[in-house]
């Protein structure tokens, strides 16, 4: 009787540890493996201001929106047209280096 109970408790402990490890891995690495074709919405960055408020940068249909999320409500702080990453060229980087003295 006791070995069966001990074995069941050990198995339950292993299952709980596996669930916790999976939750930690999903939280740490996110669900980056899941991609959808035609994705229109993405959370670009998030910053916790305090335990109750957070700034979130969201991209929707080529526009970026800065949101302030908190218990009093959600506020759109600003919106701007997002520049596509592939449009950055070596020529753009050269002009940036020329404007910043002391950097090559």
N, C-alpha and C. Protein backbone atom coordinates (compact mmCIF):
# COMPACT_ATOMS: atom_id res chain seq x y z
N UNK A 1 0.83 -1.19 0.00
CA UNK A 1 0.00 0.00 0.00
C UNK A 1 0.87 1.25 0.00
N UNK A 2 1.83 1.32 0.88
CA UNK A 2 2.69 2.49 0.99
C UNK A 2 3.52 2.72 -0.27
N UNK A 3 4.13 1.69 -0.88
CA UNK A 3 4.90 1.94 -2.10
C UNK A 3 4.03 2.48 -3.24
N UNK A 4 2.78 2.02 -3.35
CA UNK A 4 1.88 2.52 -4.39
C UNK A 4 1.56 3.99 -4.16
N UNK A 5 1.32 4.35 -2.91
CA UNK A 5 1.02 5.74 -2.58
C UNK A 5 2.23 6.63 -2.82
N UNK A 6 3.41 6.14 -2.47
CA UNK A 6 4.65 6.88 -2.70
C UNK A 6 4.91 7.06 -4.20
N UNK A 7 4.67 6.01 -4.97
CA UNK A 7 4.85 6.07 -6.42
C UNK A 7 3.88 7.07 -7.05
N UNK A 8 2.64 7.09 -6.60
CA UNK A 8 1.64 8.02 -7.13
C UNK A 8 2.01 9.46 -6.77
N UNK A 9 2.46 9.68 -5.55
CA UNK A 9 2.89 11.03 -5.15
C UNK A 9 4.09 11.50 -5.96
N UNK A 10 5.04 10.61 -6.21
CA UNK A 10 6.21 10.94 -7.01
C UNK A 10 5.80 11.28 -8.45
N UNK A 11 4.90 10.49 -9.03
CA UNK A 11 4.43 10.75 -10.39
C UNK A 11 3.69 12.08 -10.46
N UNK A 12 2.88 12.38 -9.47
CA UNK A 12 2.16 13.65 -9.43
C UNK A 12 3.14 14.82 -9.33
N UNK A 13 4.17 14.68 -8.52
CA UNK A 13 5.19 15.72 -8.41
C UNK A 13 5.91 15.95 -9.73
N UNK A 14 6.23 14.89 -10.45
CA UNK A 14 6.89 15.02 -11.76
C UNK A 14 5.98 15.74 -12.75
N UNK A 15 4.70 15.39 -12.77
CA UNK A 15 3.76 16.04 -13.69
C UNK A 15 3.64 17.53 -13.36
N UNK A 16 3.56 17.88 -12.10
CA UNK A 16 3.46 19.29 -11.71
C UNK A 16 4.73 20.04 -12.11
N UNK A 17 5.90 19.44 -11.91
CA UNK A 17 7.15 20.08 -12.34
C UNK A 17 7.20 20.27 -13.85
N UNK A 18 6.72 19.31 -14.61
CA UNK A 18 6.69 19.45 -16.07
C UNK A 18 5.75 20.58 -16.51
N UNK A 19 4.61 20.70 -15.86
CA UNK A 19 3.67 21.78 -16.18
C UNK A 19 4.30 23.14 -15.86
N UNK A 20 4.96 23.25 -14.70
CA UNK A 20 5.61 24.50 -14.35
C UNK A 20 6.75 24.84 -15.32
N UNK A 21 7.52 23.84 -15.73
CA UNK A 21 8.62 24.07 -16.67
C UNK A 21 8.08 24.52 -18.03
N UNK A 22 6.99 23.93 -18.48
CA UNK A 22 6.38 24.34 -19.74
C UNK A 22 5.84 25.77 -19.65
N UNK A 23 5.20 26.11 -18.54
CA UNK A 23 4.70 27.48 -18.35
C UNK A 23 5.84 28.49 -18.35
N UNK A 24 6.94 28.16 -17.67
CA UNK A 24 8.11 29.05 -17.65
C UNK A 24 8.68 29.22 -19.05
N UNK A 25 8.80 28.13 -19.81
CA UNK A 25 9.37 28.20 -21.16
C UNK A 25 8.48 29.04 -22.08
N UNK A 26 7.18 28.87 -21.98
CA UNK A 26 6.27 29.68 -22.81
C UNK A 26 6.34 31.15 -22.45
N UNK A 27 6.45 31.45 -21.18
CA UNK A 27 6.55 32.84 -20.74
C UNK A 27 7.89 33.44 -21.16
N UNK A 28 8.95 32.65 -21.06
CA UNK A 28 10.30 33.13 -21.37
C UNK A 28 10.49 33.34 -22.87
N UNK A 29 10.10 32.38 -23.67
CA UNK A 29 10.36 32.43 -25.11
C UNK A 29 9.14 32.83 -25.91
N UNK A 30 8.00 32.96 -25.30
CA UNK A 30 6.79 33.37 -26.00
C UNK A 30 6.34 32.30 -26.97
N UNK A 31 5.39 32.65 -27.78
CA UNK A 31 4.92 31.71 -28.79
C UNK A 31 5.44 32.13 -30.16
N UNK A 32 6.74 32.35 -30.26
CA UNK A 32 7.35 32.81 -31.50
C UNK A 32 7.30 31.75 -32.59
N UNK A 33 7.12 30.49 -32.23
CA UNK A 33 7.04 29.44 -33.24
C UNK A 33 5.72 29.45 -33.97
N UNK A 34 4.72 30.10 -33.45
CA UNK A 34 3.40 30.13 -34.07
C UNK A 34 3.31 31.38 -34.94
N UNK A 35 3.23 31.21 -36.23
CA UNK A 35 3.12 32.34 -37.16
C UNK A 35 1.89 32.13 -38.05
N UNK A 36 1.20 33.21 -38.32
CA UNK A 36 0.05 33.16 -39.21
C UNK A 36 0.35 33.97 -40.46
N UNK A 37 -0.16 33.49 -41.58
CA UNK A 37 -0.02 34.25 -42.82
C UNK A 37 -0.97 35.44 -42.75
N UNK A 38 -0.52 36.59 -43.26
CA UNK A 38 -1.36 37.78 -43.27
C UNK A 38 -1.57 38.36 -41.88
N UNK A 39 -0.59 38.25 -41.04
CA UNK A 39 -0.70 38.76 -39.68
C UNK A 39 -0.79 40.28 -39.71
N UNK A 40 -1.84 40.85 -39.12
CA UNK A 40 -2.08 42.29 -39.16
C UNK A 40 -1.78 42.98 -37.85
N UNK A 41 -1.66 42.24 -36.76
CA UNK A 41 -1.53 42.83 -35.44
C UNK A 41 -0.35 42.20 -34.72
N UNK A 42 0.49 43.04 -34.10
CA UNK A 42 1.64 42.54 -33.36
C UNK A 42 1.97 43.48 -32.21
N UNK A 43 2.35 42.91 -31.07
CA UNK A 43 2.85 43.69 -29.95
C UNK A 43 4.35 43.82 -30.16
N UNK A 44 4.82 45.04 -30.40
CA UNK A 44 6.22 45.28 -30.70
C UNK A 44 7.05 45.31 -29.42
N UNK A 45 6.58 46.04 -28.44
CA UNK A 45 7.33 46.17 -27.19
C UNK A 45 6.37 46.52 -26.06
N UNK A 46 6.76 46.15 -24.85
CA UNK A 46 5.95 46.43 -23.68
C UNK A 46 6.86 46.86 -22.54
N UNK A 47 6.42 47.84 -21.76
CA UNK A 47 7.22 48.35 -20.65
C UNK A 47 6.31 48.57 -19.45
N UNK A 48 6.64 47.91 -18.33
CA UNK A 48 5.89 48.09 -17.09
C UNK A 48 6.36 49.37 -16.41
N UNK A 49 5.44 50.31 -16.24
CA UNK A 49 5.77 51.56 -15.56
C UNK A 49 5.74 51.38 -14.05
N UNK A 50 4.76 50.68 -13.57
CA UNK A 50 4.63 50.31 -12.17
C UNK A 50 3.76 49.05 -12.14
N UNK A 51 3.46 48.52 -10.95
CA UNK A 51 2.69 47.25 -10.92
C UNK A 51 1.31 47.33 -11.55
N UNK A 52 0.77 48.52 -11.75
CA UNK A 52 -0.59 48.63 -12.27
C UNK A 52 -0.68 49.23 -13.67
N UNK A 53 0.39 49.90 -14.13
CA UNK A 53 0.33 50.56 -15.44
C UNK A 53 1.45 50.05 -16.34
N UNK A 54 1.15 50.03 -17.65
CA UNK A 54 2.11 49.52 -18.61
C UNK A 54 1.95 50.25 -19.94
N UNK A 55 3.08 50.54 -20.60
CA UNK A 55 3.09 51.10 -21.95
C UNK A 55 3.27 49.95 -22.93
N UNK A 56 2.46 49.92 -23.99
CA UNK A 56 2.53 48.86 -24.98
C UNK A 56 2.58 49.50 -26.37
N UNK A 57 3.56 49.10 -27.17
CA UNK A 57 3.68 49.55 -28.55
C UNK A 57 3.12 48.45 -29.44
N UNK A 58 2.05 48.78 -30.18
CA UNK A 58 1.33 47.81 -31.00
C UNK A 58 1.42 48.25 -32.46
N UNK A 59 1.68 47.30 -33.36
CA UNK A 59 1.66 47.60 -34.80
C UNK A 59 0.39 46.99 -35.40
N UNK A 60 -0.37 47.83 -36.12
CA UNK A 60 -1.60 47.38 -36.77
C UNK A 60 -1.64 47.95 -38.18
N UNK A 61 -1.70 47.08 -39.17
CA UNK A 61 -1.80 47.49 -40.58
C UNK A 61 -0.77 48.55 -40.95
N UNK A 62 0.48 48.36 -40.52
CA UNK A 62 1.55 49.29 -40.89
C UNK A 62 1.60 50.56 -40.06
N UNK A 63 0.79 50.67 -39.03
CA UNK A 63 0.82 51.83 -38.14
C UNK A 63 1.18 51.35 -36.74
N UNK A 64 1.95 52.17 -36.03
CA UNK A 64 2.29 51.84 -34.65
C UNK A 64 1.48 52.73 -33.71
N UNK A 65 0.96 52.12 -32.66
CA UNK A 65 0.15 52.82 -31.67
C UNK A 65 0.79 52.60 -30.30
N UNK A 66 0.97 53.67 -29.55
CA UNK A 66 1.48 53.58 -28.19
C UNK A 66 0.29 53.67 -27.24
N UNK A 67 0.09 52.61 -26.44
CA UNK A 67 -1.05 52.53 -25.54
C UNK A 67 -0.57 52.57 -24.10
N UNK A 68 -1.31 53.29 -23.26
CA UNK A 68 -1.08 53.27 -21.82
C UNK A 68 -2.21 52.46 -21.22
N UNK A 69 -1.87 51.30 -20.65
CA UNK A 69 -2.87 50.41 -20.07
C UNK A 69 -2.80 50.51 -18.56
N UNK A 70 -3.94 50.68 -17.93
CA UNK A 70 -3.98 50.80 -16.48
C UNK A 70 -5.37 50.56 -15.95
N UNK A 71 -5.51 50.55 -14.63
CA UNK A 71 -6.80 50.27 -14.02
C UNK A 71 -7.85 51.34 -14.29
N UNK A 72 -7.43 52.58 -14.53
CA UNK A 72 -8.38 53.66 -14.80
C UNK A 72 -8.91 53.62 -16.23
N UNK A 73 -8.29 52.82 -17.08
CA UNK A 73 -8.71 52.71 -18.48
C UNK A 73 -7.49 52.65 -19.38
N UNK A 74 -7.74 52.44 -20.65
CA UNK A 74 -6.68 52.35 -21.64
C UNK A 74 -6.70 53.62 -22.49
N UNK A 75 -5.51 54.18 -22.74
CA UNK A 75 -5.40 55.45 -23.47
C UNK A 75 -4.43 55.27 -24.63
N UNK A 76 -4.81 55.78 -25.81
CA UNK A 76 -3.90 55.82 -26.95
C UNK A 76 -3.05 57.08 -26.78
N UNK A 77 -1.76 56.88 -26.51
CA UNK A 77 -0.86 58.01 -26.28
C UNK A 77 -0.46 58.63 -27.60
N UNK A 78 -0.18 57.80 -28.61
CA UNK A 78 0.23 58.33 -29.90
C UNK A 78 0.13 57.27 -30.98
N UNK A 79 0.11 57.72 -32.23
CA UNK A 79 0.07 56.82 -33.38
C UNK A 79 0.96 57.39 -34.46
N UNK A 80 1.65 56.50 -35.19
CA UNK A 80 2.53 56.94 -36.27
C UNK A 80 2.61 55.84 -37.31
N UNK A 81 2.90 56.23 -38.52
CA UNK A 81 3.09 55.27 -39.60
C UNK A 81 4.40 54.54 -39.35
N UNK A 82 4.37 53.22 -39.35
CA UNK A 82 5.58 52.43 -39.08
C UNK A 82 6.42 52.32 -40.35
N UNK A 83 7.72 52.54 -40.21
CA UNK A 83 8.64 52.39 -41.34
C UNK A 83 8.99 50.92 -41.48
N UNK A 84 8.81 50.35 -42.67
CA UNK A 84 9.17 48.94 -42.87
C UNK A 84 10.66 48.73 -42.66
N UNK A 85 11.01 47.63 -42.04
CA UNK A 85 12.41 47.34 -41.71
C UNK A 85 13.25 47.11 -42.95
N UNK A 86 12.67 46.57 -44.02
CA UNK A 86 13.46 46.26 -45.22
C UNK A 86 13.83 47.50 -46.02
N UNK A 87 13.25 48.66 -45.72
CA UNK A 87 13.60 49.87 -46.45
C UNK A 87 14.89 50.50 -45.95
N UNK A 88 15.41 50.05 -44.82
CA UNK A 88 16.68 50.56 -44.30
C UNK A 88 17.80 50.04 -45.18
N UNK A 89 18.59 50.95 -45.73
CA UNK A 89 19.66 50.56 -46.64
C UNK A 89 21.00 51.01 -46.08
N UNK A 90 22.04 50.61 -46.75
CA UNK A 90 23.39 51.01 -46.35
C UNK A 90 23.55 52.52 -46.51
N UNK A 91 22.88 53.12 -47.50
CA UNK A 91 22.97 54.56 -47.71
C UNK A 91 22.38 55.31 -46.52
N UNK A 92 21.29 54.80 -45.94
CA UNK A 92 20.70 55.42 -44.76
C UNK A 92 21.66 55.35 -43.58
N UNK A 93 22.35 54.23 -43.44
CA UNK A 93 23.30 54.08 -42.34
C UNK A 93 24.48 55.02 -42.51
N UNK A 94 24.92 55.25 -43.77
CA UNK A 94 26.04 56.17 -44.02
C UNK A 94 25.67 57.59 -43.63
N UNK A 95 24.45 58.03 -43.96
CA UNK A 95 24.04 59.39 -43.62
C UNK A 95 23.91 59.55 -42.12
N UNK A 96 23.49 58.49 -41.41
CA UNK A 96 23.41 58.56 -39.96
C UNK A 96 24.80 58.72 -39.36
N UNK A 97 25.77 57.98 -39.90
CA UNK A 97 27.14 58.08 -39.39
C UNK A 97 27.72 59.47 -39.65
N UNK A 98 27.34 60.09 -40.78
CA UNK A 98 27.86 61.42 -41.09
C UNK A 98 27.29 62.47 -40.13
N UNK A 99 26.05 62.30 -39.68
CA UNK A 99 25.42 63.28 -38.80
C UNK A 99 25.94 63.18 -37.37
N UNK A 100 26.43 62.03 -36.97
CA UNK A 100 26.90 61.84 -35.61
C UNK A 100 28.42 61.98 -35.59
N UNK A 101 28.94 63.12 -35.11
CA UNK A 101 30.39 63.30 -35.08
C UNK A 101 31.04 62.33 -34.09
N UNK A 102 32.21 61.85 -34.48
CA UNK A 102 32.96 60.97 -33.60
C UNK A 102 32.66 59.50 -33.79
N UNK A 103 31.64 59.19 -34.60
CA UNK A 103 31.29 57.79 -34.86
C UNK A 103 31.63 57.48 -36.30
N UNK A 104 32.17 56.29 -36.53
CA UNK A 104 32.52 55.89 -37.90
C UNK A 104 31.74 54.70 -38.32
